[in-house]
Amino acid sequence: MPNPRRPLLYNGKTASKVSGSESSSELAERVKHLEELLTELQGIKSSSSNPSDISSTGRSHASDTTSSNVVVPGRTGQQTTAKPTTPEDVPLQHALAEDDMLLASLGERFSLEGPPPFDVLDGTPHDQYQMSVDDLTSTAIAFAQEASMISGRCYLPPADDAYALLMEFLSDFNSKVPLIAPQHIYAHMRHCYSSGDAPRLSWMLTYLTLGIAHRLRAMSLFSGPDDMKQADWYLNQSLVKLPSLLMQEPSLELVQALLAVSVLLQTSSRSRRAALFVSNAMHMLQALGYHDGQTLERNVLRRREQQYVFWIAFEMDTDMSLATMRQSAQRRSEIAVALPDEYDTDWWSGACTPVATEPGGSFNLFALNTSLALIQAEALEDLFSVDSRSYPSSVLHANLQAILLQLQAWRRKSVVFSAEVQELYISMYRSDIVHLIVLEATYFRTLYQLHAVSVLGHFGAKLDVFSGDSLRTLAALDMTSCVADARRLLSLSALVAGANISTTW
């Protein structure tokens, strides 16, 4: 079981040296800014945010399921806190059997049904999901005062830790990779904190959100020695629940869970398995019909969330497919979903990040990732498909030149690629720099892969251009066309050490 600690909330802006007072002021400024954004998003605060409004059902559940030796704040006695279960205490190979025993002991408290449908109108959540920034906090604190651990392995961290982790997830990850609408992850977490009968998908999405947040914190100045371990614990617990969830009907929430699992796997020692979960998510989206745009909901918020999730899955699947030289699950010609708007002002949909010294200096990382993925998909279909093996060499080289021209146009259309590295260093938050380095690395790998295959003459073949043999061969050949972009990536990567940024992406 993770060992919760009170975290420092956010990454500050980059600086080579940050004093304690400066760091505190930057943190306070960003906390204030985020709360203003969330308040604006939610509108008038829900009256249900008062801890006294928590239902008696939630309170009775907490007291009924708490182990007798758990210390409850505010109570007297010589009780000792129950030792939480650690990842070492529950080996993954035994977890499924233990999970079945746990379900029996809980009386099937984890429902196999998916979460209730989101009934939202005109972008405004229904009362069940309309909550203020304080709502999750007040609900969780009241619940945590009675128990922070539900019957052994059904663990939840203390409320203030969970709230801090949620804010880090929303600001540092979800604002650039809009995997889930903020209102909806609030709803899932609140359900888990206020009621033990929350559906399994709510528990899994809550665990995966906390796991990604711990990964983010591990890459910040405020990382602790146990953040990566805690992230792995949440991942392992989610993997235990996943087999039974895969037997459910496809749903948006199940797709979000699969993509979140893949994100955590990509930053673990098991990164090679991440592609399997993304491929499954892509096939589920096809079963839901999201790729043709005909089954998207009319509600603005829900439709936007469905579109974002589709494009995230498409980006991940296409990038992983090109890296391993396999065909992706979704062809471009069968997509009829609106592209992300580069100028969208919705703060959780790619969040335009300012480049201070450039006129109109803003860019949308989500839109840039999506447009790059479409170019990668074209390369897969026109250069590396089975059909392309029968193309004449003149056709293959024409296709290659067309794709390289698209990559050049993609680089020219955004101000971020012409901005000086030091300007980016000054004007961007650390978490944004990590996302930008990932984007630059994805672009450079794509460019290098195209040039390498062209030089080696292996179109249509499954060739790993990053293997030792390929790199030795390419070192003796002309690859000068990639030098400028390689230097750009290296100069950005140098910020990792200079700005006290760490990245496992």
Protein backbone atom coordinates (compact mmCIF):
# COMPACT_ATOMS: atom_id res chain seq x y z
CA MET A 1 0.00 0.00 0.00
CA PRO A 2 1.33 3.43 -0.77
CA ASN A 3 2.62 5.47 2.10
CA PRO A 4 0.75 8.78 1.67
CA ARG A 5 2.46 12.06 2.36
CA ARG A 6 1.37 15.66 2.17
CA PRO A 7 2.64 16.81 -1.24
CA LEU A 8 3.74 20.16 -2.54
CA LEU A 9 1.14 20.79 -5.17
CA TYR A 10 2.58 22.00 -8.41
CA ASN A 11 5.66 22.38 -10.53
CA GLY A 12 6.75 26.01 -10.59
CA LYS A 13 8.00 27.81 -13.67
CA THR A 14 11.47 26.94 -14.82
CA ALA A 15 14.40 28.68 -13.22
CA SER A 16 17.97 27.65 -12.79
CA LYS A 17 17.84 28.38 -9.09
CA VAL A 18 14.65 28.62 -7.10
CA SER A 19 14.73 29.90 -3.56
CA GLY A 20 12.25 28.69 -0.96
CA SER A 21 10.27 31.94 -0.92
CA GLU A 22 10.21 32.20 -4.72
CA SER A 23 9.11 28.59 -5.05
CA SER A 24 6.34 29.12 -2.50
CA SER A 25 5.07 32.23 -4.25
CA GLU A 26 5.06 30.50 -7.61
CA LEU A 27 3.18 27.56 -6.15
CA ALA A 28 0.65 29.83 -4.53
CA GLU A 29 0.21 31.76 -7.77
CA ARG A 30 -0.41 28.63 -9.77
CA VAL A 31 -2.79 27.17 -7.19
CA LYS A 32 -4.78 30.40 -7.31
CA HIS A 33 -4.80 30.38 -11.10
CA LEU A 34 -6.01 26.78 -11.27
CA GLU A 35 -8.74 27.37 -8.74
CA GLU A 36 -9.94 30.38 -10.73
CA LEU A 37 -10.06 28.26 -13.87
CA LEU A 38 -11.96 25.49 -12.16
CA THR A 39 -14.36 27.93 -10.55
CA GLU A 40 -15.04 29.49 -13.93
CA LEU A 41 -15.54 26.03 -15.41
CA GLN A 42 -18.02 24.96 -12.80
CA GLY A 43 -19.88 28.26 -12.42
CA ILE A 44 -21.74 28.74 -9.21
CA LYS A 45 -20.49 26.45 -6.49
CA SER A 46 -22.71 23.52 -5.63
CA SER A 47 -24.43 23.75 -2.30
CA SER A 48 -23.54 20.11 -1.71
CA SER A 49 -19.94 21.00 -0.89
CA ASN A 50 -20.68 21.23 2.82
CA PRO A 51 -19.29 18.21 4.67
CA SER A 52 -22.47 18.03 6.69
CA ASP A 53 -24.41 17.17 3.53
CA ILE A 54 -22.68 13.80 3.13
CA SER A 55 -25.23 11.03 3.19
CA SER A 56 -25.52 8.70 6.12
CA THR A 57 -25.01 5.82 3.70
CA GLY A 58 -21.46 6.90 3.00
CA ARG A 59 -20.74 7.35 6.70
CA SER A 60 -22.20 4.01 7.70
CA HIS A 61 -20.28 2.27 4.94
CA ALA A 62 -17.02 3.71 6.17
CA SER A 63 -17.58 2.61 9.71
CA ASP A 64 -18.83 -0.84 8.71
CA THR A 65 -15.88 -1.64 6.48
CA THR A 66 -13.08 -0.21 8.60
CA SER A 67 -10.85 -2.69 10.33
CA SER A 68 -11.28 -2.62 14.09
CA ASN A 69 -7.66 -1.66 14.69
CA VAL A 70 -7.71 1.44 12.51
CA VAL A 71 -7.19 4.69 14.38
CA VAL A 72 -9.94 7.16 13.60
CA PRO A 73 -8.99 10.81 14.10
CA GLY A 74 -10.80 12.35 17.02
CA ARG A 75 -11.36 9.05 18.84
CA THR A 76 -9.53 7.91 21.93
CA GLY A 77 -8.11 4.53 22.79
CA GLN A 78 -4.94 2.49 22.40
CA GLN A 79 -5.80 1.25 18.92
CA THR A 80 -3.02 0.85 16.37
CA THR A 81 -3.23 1.71 12.72
CA ALA A 82 -3.74 -1.28 10.46
CA LYS A 83 -0.69 -1.99 8.34
CA PRO A 84 -1.59 -1.24 4.74
CA THR A 85 -0.96 -3.79 2.05
CA THR A 86 2.16 -3.06 0.02
CA PRO A 87 2.93 -4.17 -3.53
CA GLU A 88 5.38 -6.68 -2.08
CA ASP A 89 2.70 -8.10 0.22
CA VAL A 90 0.44 -8.84 -2.75
CA PRO A 91 2.49 -10.43 -5.55
CA LEU A 92 0.90 -9.78 -8.91
CA GLN A 93 0.77 -13.47 -9.80
CA HIS A 94 -1.47 -14.12 -6.77
CA ALA A 95 -3.47 -10.93 -7.05
CA LEU A 96 -6.30 -12.28 -9.19
CA ALA A 97 -7.14 -15.08 -6.77
CA GLU A 98 -6.95 -12.68 -3.83
CA ASP A 99 -9.15 -10.28 -5.74
CA ASP A 100 -11.84 -12.95 -6.12
CA MET A 101 -11.66 -13.64 -2.37
CA LEU A 102 -11.91 -9.94 -1.67
CA LEU A 103 -14.96 -9.60 -3.89
CA ALA A 104 -16.64 -12.42 -2.03
CA SER A 105 -15.84 -10.82 1.33
CA LEU A 106 -17.22 -7.51 0.14
CA GLY A 107 -20.41 -9.06 -1.12
CA GLU A 108 -19.63 -8.11 -4.74
CA ARG A 109 -19.37 -4.48 -3.69
CA PHE A 110 -17.41 -3.82 -6.87
CA SER A 111 -20.21 -3.88 -9.42
CA LEU A 112 -19.42 -5.26 -12.87
CA GLU A 113 -21.69 -2.61 -14.31
CA GLY A 114 -20.12 0.47 -15.78
CA PRO A 115 -20.58 3.90 -14.26
CA PRO A 116 -23.99 5.53 -14.69
CA PRO A 117 -24.46 7.46 -17.92
CA PHE A 118 -23.58 11.13 -17.84
CA ASP A 119 -26.74 13.14 -18.39
CA VAL A 120 -25.41 16.58 -19.28
CA LEU A 121 -27.00 19.42 -21.20
CA ASP A 122 -25.36 22.28 -23.07
CA GLY A 123 -21.97 21.56 -21.56
CA THR A 124 -23.26 21.96 -17.99
CA PRO A 125 -23.01 18.80 -15.87
CA HIS A 126 -26.08 17.39 -14.20
CA ASP A 127 -26.31 18.05 -10.46
CA GLN A 128 -24.82 14.63 -9.76
CA TYR A 129 -21.61 15.74 -11.48
CA GLN A 130 -21.74 19.49 -10.87
CA MET A 131 -19.40 20.29 -8.06
CA SER A 132 -17.07 23.02 -7.01
CA VAL A 133 -13.36 22.74 -6.41
CA ASP A 134 -14.11 22.28 -2.72
CA ASP A 135 -16.70 19.55 -3.23
CA LEU A 136 -14.31 16.64 -3.66
CA THR A 137 -12.19 17.97 -0.82
CA SER A 138 -15.02 18.33 1.67
CA THR A 139 -16.53 14.96 0.78
CA ALA A 140 -13.21 13.19 0.93
CA ILE A 141 -12.10 14.77 4.20
CA ALA A 142 -15.32 13.83 5.92
CA PHE A 143 -14.95 10.27 4.68
CA ALA A 144 -11.25 10.08 5.53
CA GLN A 145 -11.96 11.15 9.10
CA GLU A 146 -13.64 7.79 9.54
CA ALA A 147 -11.41 5.63 7.35
CA SER A 148 -8.85 6.10 4.61
CA MET A 149 -8.74 2.39 3.83
CA ILE A 150 -11.79 0.32 2.93
CA SER A 151 -11.51 -3.33 3.87
CA GLY A 152 -7.87 -4.09 3.25
CA ARG A 153 -6.85 -3.59 -0.36
CA CYS A 154 -9.61 -1.14 -1.34
CA TYR A 155 -7.34 1.72 -0.47
CA LEU A 156 -7.79 5.47 -0.79
CA PRO A 157 -5.19 8.03 0.30
CA PRO A 158 -6.05 10.82 2.75
CA ALA A 159 -8.27 13.47 1.23
CA ASP A 160 -5.74 16.30 1.07
CA ASP A 161 -3.22 14.03 -0.68
CA ALA A 162 -5.82 12.84 -3.17
CA TYR A 163 -6.92 16.39 -3.92
CA ALA A 164 -3.33 17.54 -4.47
CA LEU A 165 -2.65 14.59 -6.77
CA LEU A 166 -5.84 15.28 -8.72
CA MET A 167 -4.82 18.90 -9.26
CA GLU A 168 -1.39 17.82 -10.49
CA PHE A 169 -2.99 15.34 -12.89
CA LEU A 170 -5.37 17.98 -14.28
CA SER A 171 -2.82 20.77 -14.65
CA ASP A 172 0.30 18.87 -15.70
CA PHE A 173 -1.12 15.98 -17.75
CA ASN A 174 -4.80 16.29 -18.59
CA SER A 175 -4.47 19.89 -19.78
CA LYS A 176 -2.13 18.68 -22.55
CA VAL A 177 -3.48 15.15 -23.04
CA PRO A 178 -7.24 15.66 -22.41
CA LEU A 179 -8.02 12.09 -21.47
CA ILE A 180 -11.04 12.77 -19.26
CA ALA A 181 -13.28 15.75 -18.56
CA PRO A 182 -12.44 17.27 -15.15
CA GLN A 183 -16.08 17.08 -14.05
CA HIS A 184 -16.17 13.36 -14.75
CA ILE A 185 -13.01 12.38 -12.91
CA TYR A 186 -14.31 14.44 -9.98
CA ALA A 187 -17.47 12.36 -10.11
CA HIS A 188 -15.61 9.03 -10.17
CA MET A 189 -13.34 10.00 -7.27
CA ARG A 190 -16.17 11.42 -5.23
CA HIS A 191 -18.16 8.21 -5.73
CA CYS A 192 -15.24 6.14 -4.45
CA TYR A 193 -14.71 8.38 -1.42
CA SER A 194 -18.35 8.70 -0.43
CA SER A 195 -19.53 5.16 -1.18
CA GLY A 196 -17.96 1.73 -1.14
CA ASP A 197 -20.28 0.42 -3.85
CA ALA A 198 -18.72 2.51 -6.61
CA PRO A 199 -18.41 0.59 -9.89
CA ARG A 200 -15.11 -1.03 -10.71
CA LEU A 201 -14.48 1.44 -13.50
CA SER A 202 -14.78 4.34 -11.07
CA TRP A 203 -12.23 2.68 -8.80
CA MET A 204 -9.91 1.95 -11.72
CA LEU A 205 -10.09 5.48 -13.14
CA THR A 206 -9.46 6.88 -9.67
CA TYR A 207 -6.45 4.60 -9.16
CA LEU A 208 -5.03 5.36 -12.61
CA THR A 209 -5.44 9.10 -12.07
CA LEU A 210 -3.55 8.86 -8.80
CA GLY A 211 -0.90 6.67 -10.45
CA ILE A 212 -0.28 9.12 -13.30
CA ALA A 213 -0.14 11.97 -10.78
CA HIS A 214 2.57 10.13 -8.82
CA ARG A 215 4.51 9.64 -12.07
CA LEU A 216 4.25 13.38 -12.70
CA ARG A 217 5.38 14.22 -9.18
CA ALA A 218 8.34 11.87 -9.55
CA MET A 219 9.48 14.09 -12.44
CA SER A 220 9.22 17.31 -10.42
CA LEU A 221 11.36 19.12 -7.87
CA PHE A 222 9.04 17.84 -5.16
CA SER A 223 9.42 14.14 -5.86
CA GLY A 224 9.73 11.71 -2.99
CA PRO A 225 11.60 8.41 -2.89
CA ASP A 226 8.33 6.48 -3.06
CA ASP A 227 6.46 8.25 -5.89
CA MET A 228 7.43 5.77 -8.61
CA LYS A 229 6.68 2.88 -6.28
CA GLN A 230 3.25 4.31 -5.48
CA ALA A 231 2.50 4.77 -9.19
CA ASP A 232 3.43 1.13 -9.84
CA TRP A 233 1.18 0.03 -6.97
CA TYR A 234 -1.84 1.78 -8.47
CA LEU A 235 -0.97 0.32 -11.88
CA ASN A 236 -0.72 -3.23 -10.52
CA GLN A 237 -4.03 -2.93 -8.70
CA SER A 238 -5.68 -1.73 -11.91
CA LEU A 239 -4.19 -4.59 -13.92
CA VAL A 240 -5.73 -7.03 -11.46
CA LYS A 241 -9.22 -5.60 -12.07
CA LEU A 242 -8.83 -5.29 -15.84
CA PRO A 243 -9.64 -8.86 -17.04
CA SER A 244 -13.19 -8.79 -15.71
CA LEU A 245 -13.74 -5.27 -17.04
CA LEU A 246 -12.76 -6.37 -20.54
CA MET A 247 -15.83 -8.64 -20.53
CA GLN A 248 -18.10 -5.60 -20.28
CA GLU A 249 -19.63 -3.85 -23.24
CA PRO A 250 -17.27 -1.21 -24.69
CA SER A 251 -17.68 2.23 -23.13
CA LEU A 252 -15.87 5.54 -23.14
CA GLU A 253 -14.80 5.00 -19.52
CA LEU A 254 -13.29 1.58 -20.32
CA VAL A 255 -11.35 3.10 -23.24
CA GLN A 256 -10.07 5.87 -20.94
CA ALA A 257 -8.94 3.24 -18.44
CA LEU A 258 -7.05 1.28 -21.13
CA LEU A 259 -5.28 4.41 -22.35
CA ALA A 260 -4.37 5.42 -18.79
CA VAL A 261 -2.94 1.93 -18.17
CA SER A 262 -0.84 2.37 -21.32
CA VAL A 263 0.45 5.75 -20.13
CA LEU A 264 1.60 4.21 -16.85
CA LEU A 265 3.14 1.21 -18.61
CA GLN A 266 5.06 3.47 -21.00
CA THR A 267 6.80 5.03 -18.02
CA SER A 268 7.56 1.69 -16.34
CA SER A 269 9.95 -1.19 -16.96
CA ARG A 270 7.15 -2.93 -18.92
CA SER A 271 6.81 -0.27 -21.62
CA ARG A 272 6.79 -2.78 -24.50
CA ARG A 273 3.36 -4.03 -23.37
CA ALA A 274 1.72 -0.60 -23.63
CA ALA A 275 0.85 -0.99 -27.32
CA LEU A 276 -1.47 -3.93 -26.61
CA PHE A 277 -3.72 -1.80 -24.42
CA VAL A 278 -3.78 1.06 -26.93
CA SER A 279 -4.72 -1.33 -29.74
CA ASN A 280 -7.57 -2.73 -27.63
CA ALA A 281 -8.75 0.80 -26.89
CA MET A 282 -8.71 1.65 -30.61
CA HIS A 283 -10.82 -1.40 -31.47
CA MET A 284 -13.30 -0.51 -28.73
CA LEU A 285 -13.62 3.00 -30.14
CA GLN A 286 -14.39 1.46 -33.53
CA ALA A 287 -17.05 -0.73 -31.91
CA LEU A 288 -18.53 2.41 -30.36
CA GLY A 289 -18.49 4.07 -33.78
CA TYR A 290 -16.52 7.13 -32.68
CA HIS A 291 -14.28 7.02 -35.77
CA ASP A 292 -17.12 7.89 -38.16
CA GLY A 293 -18.56 10.67 -36.00
CA GLN A 294 -22.10 9.28 -36.24
CA THR A 295 -22.51 8.04 -32.68
CA LEU A 296 -21.06 11.03 -30.82
CA GLU A 297 -23.42 12.54 -28.29
CA ARG A 298 -25.12 15.87 -28.86
CA ASN A 299 -24.08 17.33 -25.54
CA VAL A 300 -21.09 19.61 -26.14
CA LEU A 301 -19.01 18.47 -23.16
CA ARG A 302 -19.59 14.76 -23.70
CA ARG A 303 -19.05 14.95 -27.48
CA ARG A 304 -15.83 16.89 -27.01
CA GLU A 305 -14.58 14.32 -24.52
CA GLN A 306 -15.36 11.50 -26.97
CA GLN A 307 -13.52 13.29 -29.78
CA TYR A 308 -10.49 13.96 -27.59
CA VAL A 309 -10.27 10.34 -26.44
CA PHE A 310 -10.49 9.10 -30.03
CA TRP A 311 -7.61 11.32 -31.14
CA ILE A 312 -5.48 10.41 -28.11
CA ALA A 313 -5.92 6.71 -28.92
CA PHE A 314 -5.18 7.38 -32.60
CA GLU A 315 -2.01 9.32 -31.76
CA MET A 316 -0.71 6.65 -29.39
CA ASP A 317 -1.56 3.74 -31.68
CA THR A 318 -0.07 5.38 -34.79
CA ASP A 319 3.14 6.42 -33.05
CA MET A 320 3.70 3.00 -31.49
CA SER A 321 2.88 1.29 -34.80
CA LEU A 322 5.40 3.37 -36.75
CA ALA A 323 8.08 2.78 -34.11
CA THR A 324 7.60 -1.01 -34.39
CA MET A 325 6.82 -1.02 -38.15
CA ARG A 326 3.37 -2.59 -37.81
CA GLN A 327 0.10 -1.36 -39.24
CA SER A 328 -2.16 0.67 -36.96
CA ALA A 329 -5.73 -0.26 -36.09
CA GLN A 330 -7.37 2.76 -37.75
CA ARG A 331 -7.01 3.88 -41.38
CA ARG A 332 -7.10 7.61 -42.11
CA SER A 333 -9.68 7.20 -44.87
CA GLU A 334 -12.24 5.90 -42.37
CA ILE A 335 -12.00 8.81 -39.94
CA ALA A 336 -14.77 11.42 -39.91
CA VAL A 337 -14.11 12.98 -36.51
CA ALA A 338 -13.46 16.70 -36.16
CA LEU A 339 -9.81 17.55 -35.55
CA PRO A 340 -8.85 19.34 -32.31
CA ASP A 341 -9.12 23.09 -32.66
CA GLU A 342 -5.68 24.68 -32.43
CA TYR A 343 -7.25 27.84 -31.01
CA ASP A 344 -9.62 26.13 -28.57
CA THR A 345 -9.74 28.11 -25.34
CA ASP A 346 -10.97 25.17 -23.27
CA TRP A 347 -8.19 24.89 -20.70
CA TRP A 348 -8.24 21.08 -20.60
CA SER A 349 -8.01 20.55 -24.38
CA GLY A 350 -4.36 21.18 -25.11
CA ALA A 351 -4.01 24.50 -23.29
CA CYS A 352 -2.34 27.05 -25.52
CA THR A 353 1.01 27.78 -23.90
CA PRO A 354 2.51 31.27 -24.36
CA VAL A 355 5.86 31.95 -25.97
CA ALA A 356 6.48 35.37 -24.51
CA THR A 357 8.68 37.03 -27.13
CA GLU A 358 6.83 35.80 -30.21
CA PRO A 359 3.89 37.72 -31.74
CA GLY A 360 0.81 35.58 -31.26
CA GLY A 361 3.09 33.30 -29.30
CA SER A 362 0.85 30.43 -28.31
CA PHE A 363 0.55 26.82 -29.38
CA ASN A 364 -1.64 23.82 -28.68
CA LEU A 365 0.30 20.65 -27.92
CA PHE A 366 -2.71 18.37 -28.39
CA ALA A 367 -3.48 19.76 -31.86
CA LEU A 368 0.19 19.49 -32.84
CA ASN A 369 0.35 15.87 -31.70
CA THR A 370 -2.80 15.03 -33.66
CA SER A 371 -1.60 16.59 -36.92
CA LEU A 372 1.77 14.84 -36.56
CA ALA A 373 -0.01 11.50 -36.02
CA LEU A 374 -1.91 11.96 -39.30
CA ILE A 375 1.41 12.40 -41.14
CA GLN A 376 2.78 9.29 -39.41
CA ALA A 377 -0.34 7.36 -40.47
CA GLU A 378 0.22 8.39 -44.09
CA ALA A 379 3.80 7.13 -43.88
CA LEU A 380 2.59 3.78 -42.55
CA GLU A 381 0.09 3.38 -45.38
CA ASP A 382 2.15 4.73 -48.29
CA LEU A 383 5.64 3.49 -47.39
CA PHE A 384 5.46 0.59 -44.96
CA SER A 385 2.26 -1.31 -45.77
CA VAL A 386 2.13 -4.71 -47.48
CA ASP A 387 0.71 -3.01 -50.58
CA SER A 388 3.70 -0.67 -50.77
CA ARG A 389 6.02 -3.61 -51.40
CA SER A 390 4.67 -3.81 -54.95
CA TYR A 391 5.09 -0.09 -55.67
CA PRO A 392 7.81 0.95 -58.14
CA SER A 393 10.75 2.72 -56.53
CA SER A 394 9.76 5.97 -58.24
CA VAL A 395 6.35 5.87 -56.53
CA LEU A 396 7.90 5.11 -53.15
CA HIS A 397 10.34 8.01 -53.43
CA ALA A 398 7.54 10.34 -54.55
CA ASN A 399 5.49 9.27 -51.52
CA LEU A 400 8.51 9.83 -49.28
CA GLN A 401 9.11 13.34 -50.60
CA ALA A 402 5.43 14.22 -50.14
CA ILE A 403 5.54 13.10 -46.50
CA LEU A 404 8.80 14.97 -45.83
CA LEU A 405 7.22 18.14 -47.25
CA GLN A 406 4.27 17.67 -44.89
CA LEU A 407 6.66 17.36 -41.95
CA GLN A 408 8.36 20.60 -42.98
CA ALA A 409 4.99 22.37 -43.23
CA TRP A 410 4.04 20.99 -39.82
CA ARG A 411 7.22 22.49 -38.35
CA ARG A 412 6.61 25.89 -39.94
CA LYS A 413 3.01 26.33 -38.84
CA SER A 414 3.68 26.63 -35.10
CA VAL A 415 5.62 29.37 -33.35
CA VAL A 416 7.06 26.95 -30.80
CA PHE A 417 9.43 25.38 -33.33
CA SER A 418 11.00 28.71 -34.27
CA ALA A 419 11.27 30.03 -30.71
CA GLU A 420 14.66 30.13 -29.03
CA VAL A 421 15.23 27.36 -26.53
CA GLN A 422 16.12 29.84 -23.78
CA GLU A 423 12.85 31.68 -24.39
CA LEU A 424 10.95 28.44 -23.95
CA TYR A 425 12.97 27.79 -20.82
CA ILE A 426 11.92 31.14 -19.33
CA SER A 427 8.27 31.21 -20.37
CA MET A 428 7.10 27.63 -19.87
CA TYR A 429 6.27 25.48 -16.86
CA ARG A 430 8.42 22.42 -16.25
CA SER A 431 5.58 20.03 -17.06
CA ASP A 432 4.99 21.83 -20.38
CA ILE A 433 8.67 21.47 -21.25
CA VAL A 434 8.41 17.71 -20.69
CA HIS A 435 5.46 17.50 -23.10
CA LEU A 436 7.35 19.62 -25.64
CA ILE A 437 10.45 17.41 -25.42
CA VAL A 438 8.25 14.36 -26.04
CA LEU A 439 6.70 16.06 -29.09
CA GLU A 440 10.12 17.05 -30.47
CA ALA A 441 11.44 13.53 -29.89
CA THR A 442 8.44 12.02 -31.69
CA TYR A 443 8.99 14.32 -34.66
CA PHE A 444 12.72 13.62 -34.81
CA ARG A 445 12.26 9.85 -34.55
CA THR A 446 9.75 10.00 -37.42
CA LEU A 447 12.06 12.14 -39.57
CA TYR A 448 15.12 9.98 -38.83
CA GLN A 449 13.18 6.79 -39.50
CA LEU A 450 12.02 8.03 -42.91
CA HIS A 451 15.50 9.14 -43.98
CA ALA A 452 17.10 5.97 -42.63
CA VAL A 453 14.73 3.67 -44.50
CA SER A 454 15.28 5.71 -47.66
CA VAL A 455 19.07 5.44 -47.36
CA LEU A 456 18.94 1.72 -46.58
CA GLY A 457 16.30 1.07 -49.26
CA HIS A 458 13.96 -1.02 -47.11
CA PHE A 459 10.50 0.37 -47.86
CA GLY A 460 7.71 -2.06 -47.00
CA ALA A 461 10.02 -4.15 -44.81
CA LYS A 462 9.95 -4.42 -41.04
CA LEU A 463 13.29 -2.82 -40.24
CA ASP A 464 14.40 -1.51 -36.86
CA VAL A 465 16.51 1.52 -37.81
CA PHE A 466 17.49 1.98 -34.16
CA SER A 467 19.08 -1.44 -33.74
CA GLY A 468 22.83 -1.64 -33.26
CA ASP A 469 23.44 -3.04 -36.75
CA SER A 470 21.31 -0.37 -38.44
CA LEU A 471 22.95 2.46 -36.50
CA ARG A 472 26.43 1.21 -37.40
CA THR A 473 25.45 1.04 -41.07
CA LEU A 474 23.85 4.49 -41.04
CA ALA A 475 26.88 6.02 -39.32
CA ALA A 476 28.85 5.44 -42.50
CA LEU A 477 26.16 6.93 -44.76
CA ASP A 478 24.92 10.44 -45.46
CA MET A 479 22.33 11.46 -42.83
CA THR A 480 23.15 15.19 -42.77
CA SER A 481 19.52 16.08 -43.53
CA CYS A 482 18.66 15.26 -39.90
CA VAL A 483 21.50 17.18 -38.23
CA ALA A 484 19.68 20.49 -37.61
CA ASP A 485 16.67 18.76 -36.06
CA ALA A 486 18.95 16.56 -33.96
CA ARG A 487 20.67 19.65 -32.56
CA ARG A 488 17.30 21.23 -31.78
CA LEU A 489 16.21 18.15 -29.84
CA LEU A 490 19.51 18.00 -27.96
CA SER A 491 19.29 21.67 -27.01
CA LEU A 492 15.79 21.12 -25.62
CA SER A 493 16.87 17.97 -23.81
CA ALA A 494 19.68 19.95 -22.18
CA LEU A 495 17.00 21.88 -20.27
CA VAL A 496 16.23 18.74 -18.31
CA ALA A 497 19.38 19.12 -16.22
CA GLY A 498 19.57 22.93 -16.24
CA ALA A 499 15.99 23.41 -15.08
CA ASN A 500 15.97 20.56 -12.56
CA ILE A 501 13.51 18.63 -14.71
CA SER A 502 13.49 14.87 -14.83
CA THR A 503 11.56 12.91 -17.43
CA THR A 504 10.87 9.22 -17.89
CA TRP A 505 8.85 9.78 -21.07
